[in-house]
Amino acid sequence: MKTLIEESEISTWRKRATCRDMDLSIFFPEEGEGVKFAAKICKECPVRRDCLSFAITNNEEYGVWAGTSERGRKQMIRQYKKGTPLEEVIRVHLRFDGA
């Protein structure tokens, strides 16, 4: 199980992220409309899969990552920790999310 992603690997995908020049507080909103707004930005992001992979493997508990809420991501993290392959967790989420 991969637990941490190398800093150089993070930098590569973050440079291409839609949110790279945005105020990051957008992605750490209160529940509700703020989460929906952040998720809408993520929906069209070219590095959404990389972002979600990072969030799951690094157990990111807070904020919106790749359009996922904290609650939704907790479920994905549990699945990953139980042994579901990372790509399967991501594929199911992105298919369910319509991406």
N, C-alpha and C. Protein backbone atom coordinates (compact mmCIF):
# COMPACT_ATOMS: atom_id res chain seq x y z
N MET A 1 0.84 -1.18 0.00
CA MET A 1 0.00 0.00 0.00
C MET A 1 0.89 1.24 0.00
N LYS A 2 0.67 2.11 -0.96
CA LYS A 2 1.43 3.35 -1.05
C LYS A 2 0.86 4.35 -0.04
N THR A 3 1.72 4.97 0.74
CA THR A 3 1.22 5.88 1.77
C THR A 3 1.53 7.34 1.49
N LEU A 4 2.67 7.62 0.91
CA LEU A 4 3.03 9.00 0.62
C LEU A 4 3.53 9.12 -0.81
N ILE A 5 3.21 10.21 -1.45
CA ILE A 5 3.65 10.47 -2.81
C ILE A 5 4.83 11.43 -2.74
N GLU A 6 5.83 11.17 -3.56
CA GLU A 6 7.01 12.01 -3.59
C GLU A 6 6.65 13.46 -3.90
N GLU A 7 7.35 14.41 -3.29
CA GLU A 7 7.08 15.84 -3.48
C GLU A 7 7.17 16.22 -4.96
N SER A 8 8.15 15.68 -5.70
CA SER A 8 8.29 16.03 -7.11
C SER A 8 7.07 15.57 -7.92
N GLU A 9 6.50 14.43 -7.53
CA GLU A 9 5.31 13.91 -8.20
C GLU A 9 4.12 14.81 -7.91
N ILE A 10 4.02 15.32 -6.70
CA ILE A 10 2.94 16.23 -6.33
C ILE A 10 3.06 17.50 -7.14
N SER A 11 4.26 18.05 -7.19
CA SER A 11 4.48 19.30 -7.91
C SER A 11 4.09 19.19 -9.37
N THR A 12 4.35 18.07 -9.99
CA THR A 12 4.05 17.88 -11.40
C THR A 12 2.56 18.04 -11.67
N TRP A 13 1.72 17.33 -10.95
CA TRP A 13 0.29 17.44 -11.22
C TRP A 13 -0.31 18.73 -10.68
N ARG A 14 0.19 19.23 -9.58
CA ARG A 14 -0.36 20.48 -9.02
C ARG A 14 -0.15 21.67 -9.95
N LYS A 15 0.92 21.64 -10.71
CA LYS A 15 1.18 22.73 -11.66
C LYS A 15 0.12 22.80 -12.75
N ARG A 16 -0.55 21.69 -13.01
CA ARG A 16 -1.57 21.63 -14.06
C ARG A 16 -2.99 21.73 -13.50
N ALA A 17 -3.13 21.81 -12.19
CA ALA A 17 -4.44 21.83 -11.54
C ALA A 17 -5.19 23.14 -11.80
N THR A 18 -6.47 23.03 -11.99
CA THR A 18 -7.31 24.21 -12.18
C THR A 18 -7.21 25.16 -10.99
N CYS A 19 -7.03 24.63 -9.80
CA CYS A 19 -7.01 25.44 -8.58
C CYS A 19 -5.65 26.06 -8.27
N ARG A 20 -4.66 25.84 -9.09
CA ARG A 20 -3.29 26.24 -8.77
C ARG A 20 -3.11 27.71 -8.41
N ASP A 21 -3.90 28.60 -9.00
CA ASP A 21 -3.77 30.03 -8.72
C ASP A 21 -4.96 30.59 -7.95
N MET A 22 -5.78 29.70 -7.41
CA MET A 22 -6.97 30.14 -6.68
C MET A 22 -6.68 30.23 -5.19
N ASP A 23 -7.53 30.96 -4.50
CA ASP A 23 -7.48 31.03 -3.05
C ASP A 23 -7.88 29.65 -2.51
N LEU A 24 -6.98 28.99 -1.84
CA LEU A 24 -7.24 27.62 -1.38
C LEU A 24 -8.33 27.54 -0.32
N SER A 25 -8.70 28.65 0.27
CA SER A 25 -9.78 28.61 1.26
C SER A 25 -11.10 28.18 0.61
N ILE A 26 -11.20 28.34 -0.71
CA ILE A 26 -12.38 27.87 -1.45
C ILE A 26 -12.56 26.37 -1.24
N PHE A 27 -11.46 25.66 -1.10
CA PHE A 27 -11.50 24.20 -1.02
C PHE A 27 -11.53 23.68 0.42
N PHE A 28 -11.69 24.59 1.36
CA PHE A 28 -11.85 24.22 2.77
C PHE A 28 -13.05 24.98 3.33
N PRO A 29 -14.22 24.79 2.70
CA PRO A 29 -15.41 25.53 3.09
C PRO A 29 -16.17 24.87 4.23
N GLU A 30 -17.18 25.59 4.70
CA GLU A 30 -18.15 24.97 5.61
C GLU A 30 -18.98 24.02 4.74
N GLU A 31 -19.70 23.12 5.37
CA GLU A 31 -20.55 22.18 4.62
C GLU A 31 -21.57 22.93 3.77
N GLY A 32 -22.10 22.26 2.78
CA GLY A 32 -23.19 22.81 1.99
C GLY A 32 -22.76 23.43 0.69
N GLU A 33 -23.23 24.65 0.46
CA GLU A 33 -23.00 25.32 -0.82
C GLU A 33 -21.52 25.51 -1.13
N GLY A 34 -20.71 25.77 -0.12
CA GLY A 34 -19.28 25.96 -0.35
C GLY A 34 -18.63 24.71 -0.93
N VAL A 35 -19.06 23.55 -0.45
CA VAL A 35 -18.53 22.28 -0.96
C VAL A 35 -18.97 22.11 -2.41
N LYS A 36 -20.21 22.43 -2.70
CA LYS A 36 -20.72 22.31 -4.08
C LYS A 36 -19.96 23.22 -5.03
N PHE A 37 -19.67 24.43 -4.58
CA PHE A 37 -18.94 25.39 -5.41
C PHE A 37 -17.54 24.86 -5.73
N ALA A 38 -16.84 24.38 -4.70
CA ALA A 38 -15.49 23.84 -4.90
C ALA A 38 -15.53 22.61 -5.80
N ALA A 39 -16.49 21.74 -5.58
CA ALA A 39 -16.61 20.52 -6.38
C ALA A 39 -16.86 20.84 -7.84
N LYS A 40 -17.59 21.91 -8.10
CA LYS A 40 -17.87 22.31 -9.49
C LYS A 40 -16.57 22.73 -10.19
N ILE A 41 -15.69 23.40 -9.48
CA ILE A 41 -14.39 23.78 -10.04
C ILE A 41 -13.60 22.52 -10.38
N CYS A 42 -13.62 21.56 -9.48
CA CYS A 42 -12.85 20.32 -9.65
C CYS A 42 -13.36 19.47 -10.81
N LYS A 43 -14.63 19.54 -11.08
CA LYS A 43 -15.26 18.65 -12.07
C LYS A 43 -14.55 18.68 -13.43
N GLU A 44 -14.05 19.83 -13.83
CA GLU A 44 -13.40 19.96 -15.13
C GLU A 44 -11.88 19.95 -15.06
N CYS A 45 -11.33 19.69 -13.89
CA CYS A 45 -9.88 19.76 -13.71
C CYS A 45 -9.16 18.60 -14.42
N PRO A 46 -8.08 18.89 -15.13
CA PRO A 46 -7.37 17.85 -15.87
C PRO A 46 -6.58 16.89 -14.98
N VAL A 47 -6.38 17.22 -13.73
CA VAL A 47 -5.59 16.35 -12.84
C VAL A 47 -6.43 15.79 -11.70
N ARG A 48 -7.71 15.71 -11.94
CA ARG A 48 -8.63 15.23 -10.90
C ARG A 48 -8.25 13.85 -10.37
N ARG A 49 -7.89 12.96 -11.25
CA ARG A 49 -7.52 11.60 -10.83
C ARG A 49 -6.27 11.64 -9.94
N ASP A 50 -5.28 12.43 -10.30
CA ASP A 50 -4.06 12.55 -9.50
C ASP A 50 -4.36 13.16 -8.13
N CYS A 51 -5.22 14.16 -8.12
CA CYS A 51 -5.60 14.83 -6.88
C CYS A 51 -6.30 13.85 -5.93
N LEU A 52 -7.23 13.08 -6.47
CA LEU A 52 -7.96 12.11 -5.65
C LEU A 52 -7.03 11.02 -5.15
N SER A 53 -6.12 10.58 -5.99
CA SER A 53 -5.13 9.59 -5.59
C SER A 53 -4.30 10.11 -4.42
N PHE A 54 -3.86 11.36 -4.53
CA PHE A 54 -3.08 11.97 -3.45
C PHE A 54 -3.90 12.03 -2.16
N ALA A 55 -5.13 12.49 -2.27
CA ALA A 55 -5.98 12.64 -1.08
C ALA A 55 -6.22 11.30 -0.38
N ILE A 56 -6.45 10.26 -1.15
CA ILE A 56 -6.72 8.95 -0.57
C ILE A 56 -5.45 8.37 0.06
N THR A 57 -4.36 8.38 -0.67
CA THR A 57 -3.14 7.74 -0.16
C THR A 57 -2.50 8.51 0.99
N ASN A 58 -2.83 9.79 1.11
CA ASN A 58 -2.28 10.60 2.20
C ASN A 58 -3.31 10.89 3.29
N ASN A 59 -4.44 10.19 3.21
CA ASN A 59 -5.46 10.27 4.25
C ASN A 59 -5.89 11.72 4.52
N GLU A 60 -6.13 12.47 3.45
CA GLU A 60 -6.55 13.87 3.59
C GLU A 60 -7.97 13.90 4.14
N GLU A 61 -8.10 14.31 5.38
CA GLU A 61 -9.40 14.30 6.04
C GLU A 61 -10.20 15.56 5.81
N TYR A 62 -9.55 16.66 5.48
CA TYR A 62 -10.23 17.94 5.42
C TYR A 62 -10.19 18.55 4.03
N GLY A 63 -11.23 19.29 3.72
CA GLY A 63 -11.27 20.01 2.46
C GLY A 63 -11.90 19.23 1.32
N VAL A 64 -11.99 19.90 0.19
CA VAL A 64 -12.50 19.29 -1.03
C VAL A 64 -11.29 18.95 -1.90
N TRP A 65 -11.17 17.69 -2.24
CA TRP A 65 -10.08 17.20 -3.09
C TRP A 65 -10.72 16.48 -4.26
N ALA A 66 -10.37 16.90 -5.46
CA ALA A 66 -10.90 16.26 -6.69
C ALA A 66 -12.42 16.25 -6.70
N GLY A 67 -13.02 17.22 -6.07
CA GLY A 67 -14.47 17.30 -6.05
C GLY A 67 -15.14 16.44 -5.00
N THR A 68 -14.37 15.81 -4.14
CA THR A 68 -14.95 14.94 -3.12
C THR A 68 -15.06 15.66 -1.78
N SER A 69 -16.14 15.39 -1.09
CA SER A 69 -16.33 15.95 0.24
C SER A 69 -15.55 15.12 1.26
N GLU A 70 -15.41 15.66 2.44
CA GLU A 70 -14.71 14.94 3.52
C GLU A 70 -15.41 13.61 3.79
N ARG A 71 -16.72 13.63 3.88
CA ARG A 71 -17.48 12.41 4.18
C ARG A 71 -17.30 11.36 3.09
N GLY A 72 -17.44 11.78 1.84
CA GLY A 72 -17.29 10.84 0.73
C GLY A 72 -15.89 10.26 0.65
N ARG A 73 -14.91 11.08 0.91
CA ARG A 73 -13.52 10.62 0.85
C ARG A 73 -13.20 9.66 1.98
N LYS A 74 -13.80 9.86 3.15
CA LYS A 74 -13.56 8.93 4.27
C LYS A 74 -13.95 7.52 3.88
N GLN A 75 -15.05 7.39 3.16
CA GLN A 75 -15.48 6.07 2.70
C GLN A 75 -14.45 5.48 1.72
N MET A 76 -13.95 6.31 0.82
CA MET A 76 -12.93 5.84 -0.14
C MET A 76 -11.65 5.43 0.57
N ILE A 77 -11.26 6.19 1.57
CA ILE A 77 -10.04 5.87 2.33
C ILE A 77 -10.22 4.54 3.06
N ARG A 78 -11.41 4.33 3.63
CA ARG A 78 -11.68 3.04 4.31
C ARG A 78 -11.57 1.88 3.32
N GLN A 79 -12.14 2.04 2.14
CA GLN A 79 -12.07 0.98 1.13
C GLN A 79 -10.61 0.69 0.76
N TYR A 80 -9.85 1.74 0.57
CA TYR A 80 -8.43 1.60 0.21
C TYR A 80 -7.66 0.89 1.32
N LYS A 81 -7.90 1.28 2.55
CA LYS A 81 -7.20 0.67 3.68
C LYS A 81 -7.60 -0.79 3.87
N LYS A 82 -8.80 -1.15 3.44
CA LYS A 82 -9.25 -2.54 3.53
C LYS A 82 -8.67 -3.41 2.41
N GLY A 83 -7.97 -2.78 1.48
CA GLY A 83 -7.30 -3.55 0.44
C GLY A 83 -7.83 -3.38 -0.97
N THR A 84 -8.86 -2.58 -1.15
CA THR A 84 -9.34 -2.32 -2.50
C THR A 84 -8.26 -1.53 -3.24
N PRO A 85 -7.87 -1.98 -4.42
CA PRO A 85 -6.83 -1.25 -5.16
C PRO A 85 -7.23 0.22 -5.39
N LEU A 86 -6.26 1.09 -5.28
CA LEU A 86 -6.48 2.52 -5.42
C LEU A 86 -7.20 2.85 -6.72
N GLU A 87 -6.75 2.30 -7.82
CA GLU A 87 -7.37 2.60 -9.11
C GLU A 87 -8.84 2.18 -9.15
N GLU A 88 -9.18 1.11 -8.45
CA GLU A 88 -10.58 0.67 -8.39
C GLU A 88 -11.42 1.66 -7.59
N VAL A 89 -10.90 2.11 -6.46
CA VAL A 89 -11.61 3.10 -5.64
C VAL A 89 -11.86 4.36 -6.47
N ILE A 90 -10.84 4.83 -7.16
CA ILE A 90 -10.96 6.04 -7.97
C ILE A 90 -11.91 5.83 -9.14
N ARG A 91 -11.77 4.71 -9.84
CA ARG A 91 -12.61 4.42 -11.00
C ARG A 91 -14.09 4.40 -10.61
N VAL A 92 -14.40 3.74 -9.52
CA VAL A 92 -15.80 3.66 -9.07
C VAL A 92 -16.32 5.06 -8.74
N HIS A 93 -15.52 5.84 -8.04
CA HIS A 93 -15.97 7.18 -7.68
C HIS A 93 -16.20 8.04 -8.94
N LEU A 94 -15.25 8.04 -9.85
CA LEU A 94 -15.36 8.89 -11.02
C LEU A 94 -16.51 8.44 -11.92
N ARG A 95 -16.77 7.14 -11.98
CA ARG A 95 -17.90 6.64 -12.76
C ARG A 95 -19.21 7.07 -12.11
N PHE A 96 -19.28 6.92 -10.79
CA PHE A 96 -20.48 7.31 -10.04
C PHE A 96 -20.72 8.81 -10.14
N ASP A 97 -19.65 9.56 -10.16
CA ASP A 97 -19.73 11.03 -10.19
C ASP A 97 -20.01 11.55 -11.60
N GLY A 98 -19.98 10.68 -12.58
CA GLY A 98 -20.26 11.10 -13.94
C GLY A 98 -19.07 11.63 -14.69
N ALA A 99 -17.88 11.43 -14.13
CA ALA A 99 -16.66 11.95 -14.80
C ALA A 99 -16.15 10.96 -15.82
